[in-house]
Every structure is written in structure tokens, then in C-alpha cells.
Protein backbone atom coordinates (compact mmCIF):
# COMPACT_ATOMS: atom_id res chain seq x y z
CA MET A 1 0.00 0.00 0.00
CA ALA A 2 1.25 3.47 -0.90
CA LYS A 3 2.13 5.85 1.90
CA TYR A 4 0.63 9.33 1.75
CA LYS A 5 2.36 12.12 3.60
CA THR A 6 1.57 15.75 3.01
CA GLU A 7 1.64 18.44 5.64
CA ASP A 8 -1.29 20.67 4.83
CA LEU A 9 -2.20 24.00 6.36
CA ILE A 10 -5.90 24.76 6.28
CA GLU A 11 -7.82 27.90 7.15
CA ILE A 12 -11.34 27.66 8.57
CA ILE A 13 -13.47 30.80 8.67
CA ILE A 14 -16.90 30.72 10.30
CA ASP A 15 -19.29 33.66 10.15
CA ARG A 16 -21.82 33.01 12.91
CA VAL A 17 -23.98 35.95 11.85
CA LYS A 18 -24.38 35.02 8.18
CA LEU A 19 -24.14 31.28 8.93
CA GLU A 20 -21.45 30.86 6.29
CA ALA A 21 -18.13 29.09 6.43
CA THR A 22 -15.11 28.22 4.31
CA VAL A 23 -12.41 25.61 4.68
CA ASP A 24 -9.42 26.34 2.44
CA LEU A 25 -6.03 24.78 1.83
CA ILE A 26 -3.56 27.64 2.31
CA GLY A 27 -0.29 25.79 2.72
CA GLU A 28 1.51 22.59 1.83
CA ASN A 29 4.78 21.15 3.13
CA GLY A 30 5.89 24.45 4.67
CA GLU A 31 4.87 26.66 1.74
CA VAL A 32 2.06 29.17 2.34
CA PHE A 33 -0.22 30.44 -0.45
CA ASP A 34 -3.72 31.81 -0.98
CA ALA A 35 -6.98 29.84 -1.14
CA LYS A 36 -7.16 30.08 -4.93
CA GLU A 37 -3.78 28.36 -5.25
CA GLY A 38 -4.91 25.80 -2.67
CA THR A 39 -7.98 24.98 -4.76
CA ARG A 40 -5.77 24.55 -7.82
CA ARG A 41 -3.40 22.22 -5.97
CA LEU A 42 -6.20 20.14 -4.50
CA ALA A 43 -7.68 19.67 -7.97
CA LYS A 44 -4.35 18.26 -9.18
CA ARG A 45 -4.07 15.69 -6.38
CA GLN A 46 -4.89 12.09 -7.13
CA LEU A 47 -7.69 10.49 -5.17
CA ARG A 48 -6.51 8.08 -2.50
CA ALA A 49 -7.26 4.48 -3.43
CA ASP A 50 -7.35 3.47 0.24
CA LEU A 51 -10.29 5.76 1.08
CA ALA A 52 -13.80 4.46 0.44
CA PRO A 53 -17.18 4.34 2.18
CA ASP A 54 -17.58 1.52 4.68
CA SER A 55 -19.36 -1.35 2.95
CA GLN A 56 -21.63 -1.73 6.00
CA LEU A 57 -23.02 1.83 6.06
CA PRO A 58 -26.78 1.76 6.73
CA ASP A 59 -29.03 2.68 3.81
CA ASP A 60 -30.31 5.83 5.52
CA THR A 61 -26.74 7.10 5.95
CA ARG A 62 -25.89 6.31 2.32
CA LEU A 63 -29.05 8.10 1.14
CA TRP A 64 -28.31 11.16 3.33
CA ALA A 65 -24.77 11.32 1.92
CA ALA A 66 -26.01 11.05 -1.68
CA LEU A 67 -28.66 13.75 -1.18
CA THR A 68 -26.16 16.05 0.54
CA GLN A 69 -23.58 15.54 -2.21
CA LYS A 70 -26.13 16.19 -4.98
CA SER A 71 -27.27 19.36 -3.18
CA GLY A 72 -23.78 20.85 -3.16
CA GLY A 73 -22.20 19.23 -0.13
CA VAL A 74 -22.44 20.00 3.56
CA TRP A 75 -21.02 23.51 3.15
CA GLY A 76 -23.39 24.09 0.23
CA GLY A 77 -26.14 25.13 2.59
CA CYS A 78 -26.54 22.14 4.92
CA VAL A 79 -30.00 21.50 3.47
CA TYR A 80 -31.31 19.49 0.57
CA ASP A 81 -31.92 21.33 -2.69
CA ALA A 82 -35.06 19.40 -3.63
CA ASP A 83 -35.29 20.89 -7.15
CA THR A 84 -31.70 19.89 -7.99
CA ILE A 85 -32.22 16.37 -6.66
CA ILE A 86 -35.56 15.90 -8.44
CA GLY A 87 -34.00 17.23 -11.64
CA ALA A 88 -31.11 14.79 -11.36
CA LEU A 89 -33.51 11.90 -10.73
CA ASN A 90 -35.59 12.88 -13.76
CA ASP A 91 -32.47 13.23 -15.92
CA SER A 92 -31.37 9.70 -15.03
CA LYS A 93 -34.53 8.09 -16.48
């Protein structure tokens, strides 16, 4: 199995008034950069083959994860976007 070792620096900003948050990669292996560069670097990384959902996840957890992902992810509003999900279901027919 391949070993993965990267020292990442992340920045978490939470606005409790607007109920908004960001989590950005702003450094890697001692180098510091802006969030835009962090997004670029993350996009270039290969996915880790050793990470996968547990095969014994309950169906309700799997469904919640799929709905959340289709709605834009947890930071995409923390609520389901019913129109987007219904559209995706209709498109898959």
C-alpha cells in the first residue's frame, strides 16, 4: 500500500452571523499560499485508493450522503436542494 504524507495548512473561517463558512487549503509542506492556489493544488491531487465508504453503512446514511452531495455538499447550505435532486432523478430516467 502506498504511503501518503503531506503536511497541509488549512484555514477555517466561520461567520456566525451570516451562517457561512469556508475551509481552504492555504499551505503545503511548509509553503504558504492563498486559497485560490490551494484549490488549484487540491484539484491536481490524485484520489486516495485506500479511502472508500464503509461497505456496511446503513441505507439511511448512504441516502443522506447522496442527497447532501447532490445538493452541493455539507457547506453548500446544509439542506437538501429538492429541485436539484428531483432534476437529477428525472435526468437519469
